Amino acid sequence: MGTMTIKDIAKKCKVGVSTVSRAMNNHPDINPETKEMIMRVIEESNYVPNNSARNLKRSDAKAIAVLIKGIGNTFFNQLISVLERECQEKKYSCILQRVEEGENEVDVALEIAKEKKLRGIVFLGGNFSHPQSKMAQMEIPFVLSTIYTTDTEENICASVSVDDFKESYKMTEYLIGLGHRKIAIITAQREDESIGKLRLLGYQKALEKHGIPFDESLVCYMEMNVDQYSFQSGYKITKKLLKRGVSFTALYATSDTLAIGACRALKEEGIRVPEDCSVAGFDGMDAGEFYIPSITTIRQPVEAIAQATANLLFDMIKKKEQPKRMIFEGELMIRESTDVLPVV
């Protein structure tokens, strides 16, 4: 059982990888009974967590950390599993570290790098608009995974992602092609300067190209330091949008978790999906495929992104590679949650 991974433990406990991580890292935001059950399964399985870096000699520890912001987004589970597998193959310890919504991910990274003597860091999620002077404090290699950056060639960060602007444009244009002109969007905080902003700009650009005026009343933002890319946030934000009384025939949620939460909110208001309102998401997470109705989405090539992230980080650690931006193509997955606008 020594080859078990955190994903195997999560399956046995019927919880997410992030929940297992929180149990192992003694986070307070986990149900005590759930934590007890997870720790019991870990003990019974003789599983040695990869994040046991504290047991390694600080002088020669081979460890990387994966910092996760927006842990409610289950899209990250598969990414984490691939990264952990790559660490195991390379005999590295993998430390999973949750970053709270109100925390600065770079500050967290600097602290944990100092404490654990890390060789490298992967950032998953977050609002990555930190000044170059802040990033320069990072003295070890790091990769922004699933985070598209608009850095200049002189100040480029290592990143692996899809082009969020381009893929969001693609989704919005698809909805317009179905005949929709009143397209609402639920997205990141208004202050967001990275992924959320790029997806919103892609949406706006597609509207502009097709001569559809941008309507601020159809945009519903997450609350800063409160909402995450989660089912609950999608539900809550859609309820808030519906209370405005504005009409829309399609709703574009900038993650699948938000889209699924939105579908529940619409159903409770007697709005059928897709008959009364089409709903689209972004990411391509497994849950969206099996939800009823299955969610039309932009699927990110998770396995390829995770593999490229690991390869790039370890090559940078070995000084075989310089920081670079890697961009993958997303795939429009047309499913049951969208339909042609009915002619009235």
Protein backbone atom coordinates (compact mmCIF):
# COMPACT_ATOMS: atom_id res chain seq x y z
CA MET A 1 0.00 0.00 0.00
CA GLY A 2 3.07 2.24 0.14
CA THR A 3 2.49 3.35 -3.47
CA MET A 4 -0.92 4.80 -2.69
CA THR A 5 -1.49 8.43 -3.63
CA ILE A 6 -3.60 11.12 -2.05
CA LYS A 7 -6.14 10.48 -4.83
CA ASP A 8 -6.46 6.85 -3.72
CA ILE A 9 -7.14 8.00 -0.15
CA ALA A 10 -9.73 10.48 -1.43
CA LYS A 11 -11.53 7.71 -3.36
CA LYS A 12 -11.59 5.38 -0.35
CA CYS A 13 -13.02 8.17 1.81
CA LYS A 14 -15.40 9.36 -0.94
CA VAL A 15 -14.18 12.95 -0.60
CA GLY A 16 -12.15 15.34 -2.75
CA VAL A 17 -8.35 15.49 -2.84
CA SER A 18 -8.50 18.95 -1.30
CA THR A 19 -10.44 17.60 1.69
CA VAL A 20 -7.77 14.96 2.33
CA SER A 21 -5.13 17.67 2.09
CA ARG A 22 -6.95 19.84 4.63
CA ALA A 23 -7.20 16.88 7.02
CA MET A 24 -3.49 16.10 6.74
CA ASN A 25 -2.52 19.76 7.15
CA ASN A 26 -4.81 20.17 10.18
CA HIS A 27 -6.88 22.98 8.64
CA PRO A 28 -9.72 24.18 10.89
CA ASP A 29 -12.31 24.34 8.08
CA ILE A 30 -13.07 20.63 7.93
CA ASN A 31 -15.74 18.62 9.70
CA PRO A 32 -14.11 16.85 12.70
CA GLU A 33 -15.85 13.56 11.88
CA THR A 34 -14.65 13.74 8.27
CA LYS A 35 -11.12 14.50 9.43
CA GLU A 36 -11.17 11.58 11.86
CA MET A 37 -12.40 9.22 9.16
CA ILE A 38 -9.70 10.36 6.70
CA MET A 39 -6.89 10.02 9.24
CA ARG A 40 -8.16 6.54 10.17
CA VAL A 41 -8.11 5.42 6.52
CA ILE A 42 -4.60 6.88 6.11
CA GLU A 43 -3.39 4.90 9.13
CA GLU A 44 -5.12 1.68 8.05
CA SER A 45 -3.65 2.02 4.55
CA ASN A 46 -0.13 2.61 5.85
CA TYR A 47 -0.10 5.66 3.60
CA VAL A 48 2.85 8.02 4.03
CA PRO A 49 1.72 11.48 2.83
CA ASN A 50 4.01 13.14 0.35
CA ASN A 51 3.68 16.35 2.32
CA SER A 52 5.70 14.85 5.16
CA ALA A 53 8.57 17.14 4.18
CA ARG A 54 8.94 18.03 7.84
CA ASN A 55 10.47 14.58 8.31
CA LEU A 56 13.19 15.19 5.74
CA LYS A 57 16.56 16.75 6.52
CA ARG A 58 16.20 20.45 5.82
CA SER A 59 19.62 20.57 4.17
CA ASP A 60 18.86 18.04 1.44
CA ALA A 61 15.06 18.00 1.22
CA LYS A 62 13.75 17.41 -2.28
CA ALA A 63 10.33 19.02 -2.09
CA ILE A 64 8.03 21.23 -4.12
CA ALA A 65 4.84 22.91 -2.96
CA VAL A 66 1.55 23.24 -4.80
CA LEU A 67 -0.30 26.37 -3.63
CA ILE A 68 -4.04 26.15 -4.32
CA LYS A 69 -6.28 29.22 -4.30
CA GLY A 70 -9.95 28.56 -4.93
CA ILE A 71 -9.87 25.06 -3.51
CA GLY A 72 -13.66 24.81 -3.92
CA ASN A 73 -13.05 24.46 -7.66
CA THR A 74 -12.90 20.67 -8.12
CA PHE A 75 -11.26 21.26 -11.51
CA PHE A 76 -7.95 21.30 -9.63
CA ASN A 77 -8.27 17.71 -8.36
CA GLN A 78 -6.96 16.07 -11.52
CA LEU A 79 -4.13 18.58 -11.81
CA ILE A 80 -3.04 17.85 -8.25
CA SER A 81 -3.13 14.11 -8.89
CA VAL A 82 -0.82 14.40 -11.93
CA LEU A 83 1.59 16.71 -10.10
CA GLU A 84 1.76 14.32 -7.15
CA ARG A 85 2.43 11.39 -9.47
CA GLU A 86 5.28 13.25 -11.15
CA CYS A 87 6.79 14.09 -7.77
CA GLN A 88 6.65 10.46 -6.71
CA GLU A 89 8.41 9.34 -9.89
CA LYS A 90 11.17 11.90 -9.32
CA LYS A 91 11.48 11.05 -5.61
CA TYR A 92 10.28 14.50 -4.54
CA SER A 93 7.97 15.32 -1.67
CA CYS A 94 4.84 17.25 -2.70
CA ILE A 95 3.39 19.70 -0.19
CA LEU A 96 -0.21 20.80 -0.82
CA GLN A 97 -0.90 24.21 0.65
CA ARG A 98 -4.30 25.91 0.62
CA VAL A 99 -4.30 29.69 0.12
CA GLU A 100 -7.35 31.48 1.54
CA GLU A 101 -9.23 33.96 -0.62
CA GLY A 102 -8.00 36.94 1.39
CA GLU A 103 -4.37 35.82 1.44
CA ASN A 104 -1.60 36.94 -0.89
CA GLU A 105 -0.34 33.79 -2.62
CA VAL A 106 3.18 35.15 -3.07
CA ASP A 107 3.49 35.96 0.64
CA VAL A 108 2.35 32.41 1.43
CA ALA A 109 4.86 31.03 -1.08
CA LEU A 110 7.74 33.03 0.37
CA GLU A 111 6.93 31.83 3.88
CA ILE A 112 6.56 28.15 3.01
CA ALA A 113 9.66 28.21 0.78
CA LYS A 114 11.68 29.50 3.72
CA GLU A 115 10.15 27.05 6.20
CA LYS A 116 10.40 23.91 4.06
CA LYS A 117 13.52 24.65 2.02
CA LEU A 118 11.62 24.01 -1.20
CA ARG A 119 13.16 23.38 -4.62
CA GLY A 120 10.16 24.77 -6.53
CA ILE A 121 6.55 25.94 -6.39
CA VAL A 122 3.41 25.52 -8.51
CA PHE A 123 0.66 28.12 -8.20
CA LEU A 124 -2.87 26.90 -8.96
CA GLY A 125 -5.56 29.57 -9.25
CA GLY A 126 -5.63 33.04 -7.79
CA ASN A 127 -5.56 36.62 -8.99
CA PHE A 128 -2.06 36.81 -10.42
CA SER A 129 -1.44 40.51 -10.94
CA HIS A 130 1.46 40.95 -8.55
CA PRO A 131 4.12 43.60 -9.36
CA GLN A 132 7.41 42.39 -10.83
CA SER A 133 9.24 43.58 -7.70
CA LYS A 134 7.11 41.18 -5.64
CA MET A 135 7.72 38.25 -7.95
CA ALA A 136 11.46 38.97 -7.91
CA GLN A 137 11.50 37.98 -4.23
CA MET A 138 10.92 34.38 -5.28
CA GLU A 139 14.39 32.86 -5.27
CA ILE A 140 13.34 29.38 -6.38
CA PRO A 141 11.74 28.26 -9.67
CA PHE A 142 7.96 28.55 -9.88
CA VAL A 143 5.26 27.91 -12.48
CA LEU A 144 1.82 29.46 -12.75
CA SER A 145 -0.43 26.58 -13.79
CA THR A 146 -3.81 27.28 -15.47
CA ILE A 147 -2.98 31.00 -15.05
CA TYR A 148 -2.58 32.96 -18.27
CA THR A 149 -0.25 35.94 -17.96
CA THR A 150 0.21 39.01 -20.14
CA ASP A 151 3.78 39.70 -19.10
CA THR A 152 6.22 41.37 -21.46
CA GLU A 153 8.97 39.23 -22.94
CA GLU A 154 11.47 40.94 -20.60
CA ASN A 155 9.55 40.07 -17.45
CA ILE A 156 8.02 36.72 -18.28
CA CYS A 157 6.88 34.28 -15.60
CA ALA A 158 6.81 30.55 -16.27
CA SER A 159 3.18 29.72 -16.97
CA VAL A 160 1.14 26.89 -18.49
CA SER A 161 -2.48 27.57 -19.46
CA VAL A 162 -5.05 28.14 -22.15
CA ASP A 163 -5.56 31.64 -23.56
CA ASP A 164 -8.46 32.70 -21.32
CA PHE A 165 -9.36 35.72 -23.46
CA LYS A 166 -9.47 33.69 -26.68
CA GLU A 167 -11.40 30.77 -25.18
CA SER A 168 -13.94 33.04 -23.49
CA TYR A 169 -14.44 34.85 -26.80
CA LYS A 170 -15.04 31.45 -28.43
CA MET A 171 -17.72 30.51 -25.89
CA THR A 172 -19.53 33.85 -26.13
CA GLU A 173 -19.49 33.74 -29.92
CA TYR A 174 -20.98 30.23 -29.79
CA LEU A 175 -23.89 31.52 -27.66
CA ILE A 176 -24.40 34.43 -30.05
CA GLY A 177 -24.45 31.94 -32.91
CA LEU A 178 -27.41 30.21 -31.22
CA GLY A 179 -29.32 33.49 -31.51
CA HIS A 180 -28.75 34.82 -27.99
CA ARG A 181 -28.21 38.55 -27.59
CA LYS A 182 -29.05 38.97 -23.91
CA ILE A 183 -26.19 36.98 -22.42
CA ALA A 184 -25.54 37.34 -18.69
CA ILE A 185 -22.16 36.48 -17.22
CA ILE A 186 -21.08 35.54 -13.70
CA THR A 187 -17.39 36.05 -13.18
CA ALA A 188 -14.55 36.86 -10.78
CA GLN A 189 -14.29 39.90 -8.54
CA ARG A 190 -14.44 43.28 -10.24
CA GLU A 191 -10.89 43.88 -8.96
CA ASP A 192 -9.51 40.75 -10.67
CA GLU A 193 -6.63 41.48 -13.04
CA SER A 194 -5.85 38.01 -14.35
CA ILE A 195 -8.03 35.03 -15.32
CA GLY A 196 -11.37 36.62 -14.43
CA LYS A 197 -10.57 39.85 -16.24
CA LEU A 198 -9.38 38.03 -19.37
CA ARG A 199 -12.55 35.92 -19.55
CA LEU A 200 -14.71 39.01 -19.08
CA LEU A 201 -12.78 40.88 -21.80
CA GLY A 202 -13.22 37.92 -24.17
CA TYR A 203 -16.97 38.06 -23.53
CA GLN A 204 -17.06 41.82 -24.17
CA LYS A 205 -15.03 41.55 -27.37
CA ALA A 206 -17.35 38.92 -28.84
CA LEU A 207 -20.38 41.10 -28.08
CA GLU A 208 -18.67 44.07 -29.71
CA LYS A 209 -17.80 42.12 -32.85
CA HIS A 210 -21.45 41.16 -33.32
CA GLY A 211 -22.80 44.63 -32.62
CA ILE A 212 -24.34 43.74 -29.24
CA PRO A 213 -24.05 46.55 -26.67
CA PHE A 214 -22.29 45.63 -23.43
CA ASP A 215 -24.81 45.79 -20.57
CA GLU A 216 -23.27 46.11 -17.10
CA SER A 217 -26.54 44.96 -15.51
CA LEU A 218 -25.97 41.52 -17.06
CA VAL A 219 -22.60 41.14 -15.32
CA CYS A 220 -22.56 39.70 -11.81
CA TYR A 221 -19.23 39.68 -9.98
CA MET A 222 -17.99 37.59 -7.09
CA GLU A 223 -17.45 39.41 -3.83
CA MET A 224 -13.81 40.12 -3.00
CA ASN A 225 -12.38 37.75 -0.36
CA VAL A 226 -15.77 36.01 0.00
CA ASP A 227 -16.75 34.07 -3.10
CA GLN A 228 -14.77 31.32 -4.81
CA TYR A 229 -15.12 29.32 -8.01
CA SER A 230 -17.49 26.93 -6.25
CA PHE A 231 -20.98 25.46 -6.62
CA GLN A 232 -22.20 27.56 -3.72
CA SER A 233 -20.87 30.80 -5.23
CA GLY A 234 -22.52 30.03 -8.58
CA TYR A 235 -25.82 29.46 -6.82
CA LYS A 236 -25.58 32.59 -4.69
CA ILE A 237 -24.40 34.91 -7.47
CA THR A 238 -27.14 33.71 -9.85
CA LYS A 239 -29.76 34.35 -7.16
CA LYS A 240 -28.40 37.88 -6.86
CA LEU A 241 -28.54 38.32 -10.64
CA LEU A 242 -32.15 37.13 -10.77
CA LYS A 243 -33.16 39.61 -8.09
CA ARG A 244 -32.13 42.45 -10.40
CA GLY A 245 -35.08 41.61 -12.61
CA VAL A 246 -33.06 41.91 -15.83
CA SER A 247 -34.00 39.53 -18.63
CA PHE A 248 -31.49 37.22 -20.29
CA THR A 249 -31.75 34.13 -22.47
CA ALA A 250 -28.29 32.73 -21.82
CA LEU A 251 -25.97 32.66 -18.82
CA TYR A 252 -22.23 32.24 -19.23
CA ALA A 253 -20.47 31.20 -16.01
CA THR A 254 -16.68 31.47 -16.08
CA SER A 255 -16.20 28.05 -14.47
CA ASP A 256 -18.15 24.80 -14.52
CA THR A 257 -18.60 24.91 -10.74
CA LEU A 258 -20.29 28.30 -11.07
CA ALA A 259 -22.41 26.99 -13.97
CA ILE A 260 -23.70 24.01 -11.99
CA GLY A 261 -24.56 26.24 -9.03
CA ALA A 262 -26.30 28.60 -11.46
CA CYS A 263 -28.43 25.78 -12.87
CA ARG A 264 -29.72 24.97 -9.38
CA ALA A 265 -30.61 28.64 -8.76
CA LEU A 266 -32.44 28.87 -12.09
CA LYS A 267 -34.37 25.65 -11.44
CA GLU A 268 -35.59 26.96 -8.08
CA GLU A 269 -36.99 30.01 -9.88
CA GLY A 270 -38.84 27.81 -12.37
CA ILE A 271 -36.45 28.63 -15.22
CA ARG A 272 -35.74 25.59 -17.36
CA VAL A 273 -32.28 24.88 -18.77
CA PRO A 274 -31.90 25.08 -21.73
CA GLU A 275 -35.55 25.63 -22.77
CA ASP A 276 -35.86 29.02 -21.03
CA CYS A 277 -32.20 29.85 -20.51
CA SER A 278 -29.02 28.34 -21.94
CA VAL A 279 -26.14 27.91 -19.48
CA ALA A 280 -22.47 27.56 -20.39
CA GLY A 281 -19.38 27.02 -18.26
CA PHE A 282 -15.61 26.89 -18.56
CA ASP A 283 -12.97 24.26 -17.60
CA GLY A 284 -14.38 20.89 -18.68
CA MET A 285 -14.51 19.27 -15.25
CA ASP A 286 -15.95 15.75 -15.00
CA ALA A 287 -18.95 16.79 -12.89
CA GLY A 288 -20.21 19.01 -15.69
CA GLU A 289 -20.43 16.05 -18.07
CA PHE A 290 -22.60 14.01 -15.70
CA TYR A 291 -24.77 16.82 -14.35
CA ILE A 292 -28.34 16.98 -15.70
CA PRO A 293 -28.37 18.76 -18.07
CA SER A 294 -24.73 18.18 -18.98
CA ILE A 295 -22.86 21.49 -19.14
CA THR A 296 -21.67 23.04 -22.39
CA THR A 297 -18.14 24.20 -21.65
CA ILE A 298 -14.62 25.04 -22.79
CA ARG A 299 -12.57 22.01 -21.86
CA GLN A 300 -9.04 22.71 -20.75
CA PRO A 301 -6.59 19.86 -21.54
CA VAL A 302 -5.95 19.14 -17.85
CA GLU A 303 -3.59 16.19 -18.25
CA ALA A 304 -1.43 18.05 -20.80
CA ILE A 305 -1.34 21.23 -18.70
CA ALA A 306 -0.40 19.33 -15.54
CA GLN A 307 2.28 17.30 -17.33
CA ALA A 308 3.75 20.39 -18.96
CA THR A 309 3.70 22.20 -15.61
CA ALA A 310 5.65 19.41 -13.93
CA ASN A 311 8.13 19.08 -16.81
CA LEU A 312 8.78 22.81 -16.95
CA LEU A 313 9.25 23.14 -13.19
CA PHE A 314 11.65 20.22 -12.88
CA ASP A 315 13.62 21.40 -15.93
CA MET A 316 13.91 24.83 -14.31
CA ILE A 317 15.05 23.23 -11.05
CA LYS A 318 17.74 21.38 -13.01
CA LYS A 319 18.58 24.64 -14.84
CA LYS A 320 17.76 23.00 -18.17
CA GLU A 321 15.05 25.54 -18.98
CA GLN A 322 14.32 29.25 -18.57
CA PRO A 323 10.88 30.61 -17.57
CA LYS A 324 8.51 30.60 -20.55
CA ARG A 325 4.83 30.82 -21.34
CA MET A 326 3.12 27.68 -22.68
CA ILE A 327 -0.37 28.00 -24.15
CA PHE A 328 -2.72 25.11 -24.91
CA GLU A 329 -5.86 25.14 -27.02
CA GLY A 330 -9.22 24.70 -25.30
CA GLU A 331 -12.04 22.64 -26.81
CA LEU A 332 -15.66 23.77 -27.09
CA MET A 333 -17.80 20.93 -25.71
CA ILE A 334 -21.42 21.34 -26.82
CA ARG A 335 -23.73 19.52 -24.45
CA GLU A 336 -27.32 19.66 -23.17
CA SER A 337 -27.32 22.96 -21.27
CA THR A 338 -27.38 25.19 -24.35
CA ASP A 339 -29.82 25.43 -27.23
CA VAL A 340 -30.91 27.66 -30.08
CA LEU A 341 -32.94 30.66 -28.94
CA PRO A 342 -36.60 29.83 -29.66
CA VAL A 343 -38.33 32.09 -32.17
CA VAL A 344 -41.26 33.82 -30.43
